[in-house]
C-alpha atoms as a PDB file:
ATOM      1  CA  MET A   1       0.000   0.000   0.000  1.00  0.00           C
ATOM      2  CA  SER A   2       2.875   2.375   0.741  1.00  0.00           C
ATOM      3  CA  GLY A   3       5.147   1.201  -2.046  1.00  0.00           C
ATOM      4  CA  GLN A   4       7.825   0.246   0.503  1.00  0.00           C
ATOM      5  CA  ARG A   5       9.134  -3.179   1.482  1.00  0.00           C
ATOM      6  CA  GLU A   6       6.737  -4.950   3.846  1.00  0.00           C
ATOM      7  CA  ASN A   7       9.161  -4.568   6.774  1.00  0.00           C
ATOM      8  CA  TRP A   8      10.190  -0.967   6.066  1.00  0.00           C
ATOM      9  CA  GLY A   9      10.242   1.037   9.311  1.00  0.00           C
ATOM     10  CA  VAL A  10       9.526  -2.000  11.485  1.00  0.00           C
ATOM     11  CA  LYS A  11      11.613  -1.903  14.684  1.00  0.00           C
ATOM     12  CA  ASP A  12      10.530  -5.287  15.975  1.00  0.00           C
ATOM     13  CA  TYR A  13       8.012  -8.066  15.831  1.00  0.00           C
ATOM     14  CA  ASP A  14       6.061  -9.032  18.942  1.00  0.00           C
ATOM     15  CA  VAL A  15       5.506 -12.593  20.113  1.00  0.00           C
ATOM     16  CA  PHE A  16       3.149 -12.762  23.062  1.00  0.00           C
ATOM     17  CA  TYR A  17       2.161 -15.771  25.084  1.00  0.00           C
ATOM     18  CA  PHE A  18       0.271 -16.285  28.320  1.00  0.00           C
ATOM     19  CA  ASP A  19       1.634 -18.457  31.123  1.00  0.00           C
ATOM     20  CA  ASP A  20       0.266 -17.561  34.540  1.00  0.00           C
ATOM     21  CA  ALA A  21       1.669 -20.758  36.066  1.00  0.00           C
ATOM     22  CA  ASP A  22       5.192 -19.303  36.177  1.00  0.00           C
ATOM     23  CA  LEU A  23       5.541 -15.530  36.495  1.00  0.00           C
ATOM     24  CA  SER A  24       9.291 -15.625  37.023  1.00  0.00           C
ATOM     25  CA  TRP A  25      11.691 -13.634  34.879  1.00  0.00           C
ATOM     26  CA  GLU A  26      13.696 -16.832  34.410  1.00  0.00           C
ATOM     27  CA  ALA A  27      10.763 -18.575  32.687  1.00  0.00           C
ATOM     28  CA  GLU A  28      10.143 -15.602  30.405  1.00  0.00           C
ATOM     29  CA  ASP A  29      13.845 -15.317  29.645  1.00  0.00           C
ATOM     30  CA  ALA A  30      13.911 -18.999  28.639  1.00  0.00           C
ATOM     31  CA  ALA A  31      11.038 -18.329  26.207  1.00  0.00           C
ATOM     32  CA  ILE A  32      12.862 -15.271  24.852  1.00  0.00           C
ATOM     33  CA  ARG A  33      16.030 -17.294  24.256  1.00  0.00           C
ATOM     34  CA  LEU A  34      14.059 -20.087  22.561  1.00  0.00           C
ATOM     35  CA  VAL A  35      12.325 -17.717  20.141  1.00  0.00           C
ATOM     36  CA  HIS A  36      15.514 -15.769  19.441  1.00  0.00           C
ATOM     37  CA  SER A  37      17.371 -18.964  18.570  1.00  0.00           C
ATOM     38  CA  SER A  38      14.487 -19.981  16.291  1.00  0.00           C
ATOM     39  CA  VAL A  39      14.525 -16.730  14.297  1.00  0.00           C
ATOM     40  CA  ALA A  40      18.233 -15.885  14.443  1.00  0.00           C
ATOM     41  CA  ASP A  41      18.686 -16.452  10.712  1.00  0.00           C
ATOM     42  CA  LEU A  42      15.889 -14.022   9.776  1.00  0.00           C
ATOM     43  CA  GLY A  43      17.786 -10.875  10.740  1.00  0.00           C
ATOM     44  CA  VAL A  44      14.843  -9.341  12.599  1.00  0.00           C
ATOM     45  CA  ASN A  45      14.324  -8.108  16.144  1.00  0.00           C
ATOM     46  CA  VAL A  46      11.655 -10.118  17.972  1.00  0.00           C
ATOM     47  CA  GLU A  47      10.289  -9.076  21.364  1.00  0.00           C
ATOM     48  CA  VAL A  48       8.862 -11.951  23.380  1.00  0.00           C
ATOM     49  CA  ARG A  49       6.616 -11.191  26.354  1.00  0.00           C
ATOM     50  CA  ASN A  50       4.566 -13.295  28.724  1.00  0.00           C
ATOM     51  CA  GLN A  51       1.347 -11.296  28.974  1.00  0.00           C
ATOM     52  CA  ALA A  52       0.720 -12.781  32.417  1.00  0.00           C
ATOM     53  CA  ARG A  53       3.760 -10.798  33.683  1.00  0.00           C
ATOM     54  CA  VAL A  54       3.102  -7.349  32.169  1.00  0.00           C
ATOM     55  CA  HIS A  55       1.510  -5.957  35.336  1.00  0.00           C
ATOM     56  CA  LEU A  56       4.770  -6.678  37.198  1.00  0.00           C
ATOM     57  CA  TRP A  57       6.871  -4.188  35.178  1.00  0.00           C
ATOM     58  CA  TYR A  58       4.563  -1.884  33.197  1.00  0.00           C
ATOM     59  CA  GLN A  59       4.202   0.892  35.771  1.00  0.00           C
ATOM     60  CA  GLN A  60       7.943   1.116  36.402  1.00  0.00           C
ATOM     61  CA  ARG A  61       8.679   1.291  32.681  1.00  0.00           C
ATOM     62  CA  PHE A  62       5.810   3.498  31.489  1.00  0.00           C
ATOM     63  CA  GLY A  63       4.597   5.318  34.613  1.00  0.00           C
ATOM     64  CA  ALA A  64       1.016   4.067  34.382  1.00  0.00           C
ATOM     65  CA  SER A  65      -0.728   1.278  36.251  1.00  0.00           C
ATOM     66  CA  TYR A  66      -1.643  -1.904  34.399  1.00  0.00           C
ATOM     67  CA  PRO A  67      -4.092  -4.623  35.449  1.00  0.00           C
ATOM     68  CA  GLN A  68      -3.192  -8.273  35.741  1.00  0.00           C
ATOM     69  CA  LEU A  69      -4.185  -9.822  32.419  1.00  0.00           C
ATOM     70  CA  THR A  70      -6.151 -13.013  31.914  1.00  0.00           C
ATOM     71  CA  SER A  71      -5.116 -13.888  28.348  1.00  0.00           C
ATOM     72  CA  VAL A  72      -3.124 -12.735  25.338  1.00  0.00           C
ATOM     73  CA  ARG A  73      -6.322 -11.253  23.911  1.00  0.00           C
ATOM     74  CA  ASP A  74      -6.716  -9.253  27.106  1.00  0.00           C
ATOM     75  CA  GLY A  75      -3.269  -7.788  26.391  1.00  0.00           C
ATOM     76  CA  ILE A  76      -4.082  -7.059  22.743  1.00  0.00           C
ATOM     77  CA  ASP A  77      -7.210  -5.232  23.928  1.00  0.00           C
ATOM     78  CA  ARG A  78      -4.938  -2.852  25.847  1.00  0.00           C
ATOM     79  CA  TYR A  79      -2.544  -1.782  23.094  1.00  0.00           C
ATOM     80  CA  LEU A  80      -2.336   1.998  23.110  1.00  0.00           C
ATOM     81  CA  ILE A  81      -3.345   2.452  19.449  1.00  0.00           C
ATOM     82  CA  SER A  82      -6.618   0.890  18.287  1.00  0.00           C
ATOM     83  CA  CYS A  83      -5.495  -0.181  14.816  1.00  0.00           C
ATOM     84  CA  THR A  84      -2.605  -2.144  16.321  1.00  0.00           C
ATOM     85  CA  CYS A  85      -4.977  -4.279  18.401  1.00  0.00           C
ATOM     86  CA  VAL A  86      -4.349  -7.200  16.075  1.00  0.00           C
ATOM     87  CA  GLY A  87      -3.027 -10.672  16.735  1.00  0.00           C
ATOM     88  CA  ILE A  88      -2.871 -14.100  15.156  1.00  0.00           C
ATOM     89  CA  ASP A  89      -3.242 -17.248  17.221  1.00  0.00           C
ATOM     90  CA  MET A  90      -0.432 -19.437  15.950  1.00  0.00           C
ATOM     91  CA  THR A  91      -2.253 -22.645  16.895  1.00  0.00           C
ATOM     92  CA  SER A  92      -5.668 -21.946  15.369  1.00  0.00           C
ATOM     93  CA  ARG A  93      -4.429 -19.332  12.841  1.00  0.00           C
ATOM     94  CA  GLU A  94      -7.360 -17.192  13.960  1.00  0.00           C
ATOM     95  CA  LEU A  95      -7.085 -13.450  13.430  1.00  0.00           C
ATOM     96  CA  TYR A  96      -8.074 -11.333  16.430  1.00  0.00           C
ATOM     97  CA  ALA A  97      -8.816  -7.675  15.680  1.00  0.00           C
ATOM     98  CA  PRO A  98     -11.404  -6.270  18.112  1.00  0.00           C
ATOM     99  CA  ASP A  99     -11.456  -2.899  16.325  1.00  0.00           C
ATOM    100  CA  GLY A 100     -11.432  -4.347  12.823  1.00  0.00           C
ATOM    101  CA  LEU A 101      -8.813  -3.598  10.190  1.00  0.00           C
ATOM    102  CA  ASP A 102     -10.147  -0.459   8.468  1.00  0.00           C
ATOM    103  CA  ASP A 103      -7.993   2.036  10.408  1.00  0.00           C
ATOM    104  CA  LEU A 104      -4.943  -0.180   9.932  1.00  0.00           C
ATOM    105  CA  ALA A 105      -5.521  -0.324   6.164  1.00  0.00           C
ATOM    106  CA  SER A 106      -6.150   3.444   6.061  1.00  0.00           C
ATOM    107  CA  GLY A 107      -3.202   4.383   8.271  1.00  0.00           C
ATOM    108  CA  VAL A 108      -5.332   6.021  10.967  1.00  0.00           C
ATOM    109  CA  LEU A 109      -3.975   6.065  14.523  1.00  0.00           C
ATOM    110  CA  ARG A 110      -6.569   6.483  17.281  1.00  0.00           C
ATOM    111  CA  MET A 111      -6.149   6.147  21.014  1.00  0.00           C
ATOM    112  CA  ASN A 112      -7.559   2.854  22.230  1.00  0.00           C
ATOM    113  CA  PRO A 113     -10.604   3.695  24.398  1.00  0.00           C
ATOM    114  CA  ARG A 114     -10.048   0.466  26.364  1.00  0.00           C
ATOM    115  CA  HIS A 115      -6.609   1.724  27.468  1.00  0.00           C
ATOM    116  CA  PRO A 116      -6.732   5.526  27.310  1.00  0.00           C
ATOM    117  CA  ILE A 117      -3.378   6.990  28.302  1.00  0.00           C
ATOM    118  CA  PRO A 118      -3.081  10.166  26.186  1.00  0.00           C
ATOM    119  CA  ASP A 119       0.594  10.910  26.895  1.00  0.00           C
ATOM    120  CA  LEU A 120       1.730   7.385  26.012  1.00  0.00           C
ATOM    121  CA  PHE A 121      -0.571   7.332  22.971  1.00  0.00           C
ATOM    122  CA  ARG A 122       0.945  10.576  21.669  1.00  0.00           C
ATOM    123  CA  LEU A 123       4.493   9.267  22.148  1.00  0.00           C
ATOM    124  CA  LYS A 124       3.792   6.001  20.358  1.00  0.00           C
ATOM    125  CA  ALA A 125       1.746   7.612  17.576  1.00  0.00           C
ATOM    126  CA  SER A 126       4.495  10.202  17.007  1.00  0.00           C
ATOM    127  CA  ASP A 127       7.086   7.429  16.814  1.00  0.00           C
ATOM    128  CA  TYR A 128       4.977   5.616  14.210  1.00  0.00           C
ATOM    129  CA  LYS A 129       4.453   8.814  12.195  1.00  0.00           C
ATOM    130  CA  ALA A 130       8.202   9.503  12.191  1.00  0.00           C
ATOM    131  CA  ARG A 131       8.725   6.098  10.555  1.00  0.00           C
ATOM    132  CA  TRP A 132       5.642   6.156   8.322  1.00  0.00           C
ATOM    133  CA  PRO A 133       4.882   9.841   7.503  1.00  0.00           C
ATOM    134  CA  TRP A 134       1.655   9.079   5.619  1.00  0.00           C
ATOM    135  CA  LEU A 135      -0.107   7.998   8.830  1.00  0.00           C
ATOM    136  CA  THR A 136      -2.892  10.160  10.243  1.00  0.00           C
ATOM    137  CA  ILE A 137      -3.048  10.716  13.997  1.00  0.00           C
ATOM    138  CA  VAL A 138      -6.475  11.382  15.478  1.00  0.00           C
ATOM    139  CA  PRO A 139      -5.726  13.638  18.479  1.00  0.00           C
ATOM    140  CA  ALA A 140      -6.385  12.101  21.889  1.00  0.00           C
END
């Protein structure tokens, strides 16, 4: 749609999983190492996160509280920008996009009303616009 390579401007790819049986950093780090070794030959940056652990570090990193999640979908529902609330279940191959795909296809960035943090939205949306200038930001 933009005329650029499909990965142009992409800083990283996210791999999320949910394991509330082991909230230790060591367990998440083992998953990170496993995924990194699996994609090492692709030359891409992959961020792996256990969504069951996000509430343990989110406030310290971003300065905003974050609830304990119950699933990966629960985490996707809380992305800061609505059109990025998209995921694919790698087992079922099911697409999950609670806000649909129209804004994503049109390049429209809106604050997610399910996770409204205007300052963080503006920072993330500005970062996206710096990489993809054709995007439209709907002010928060």
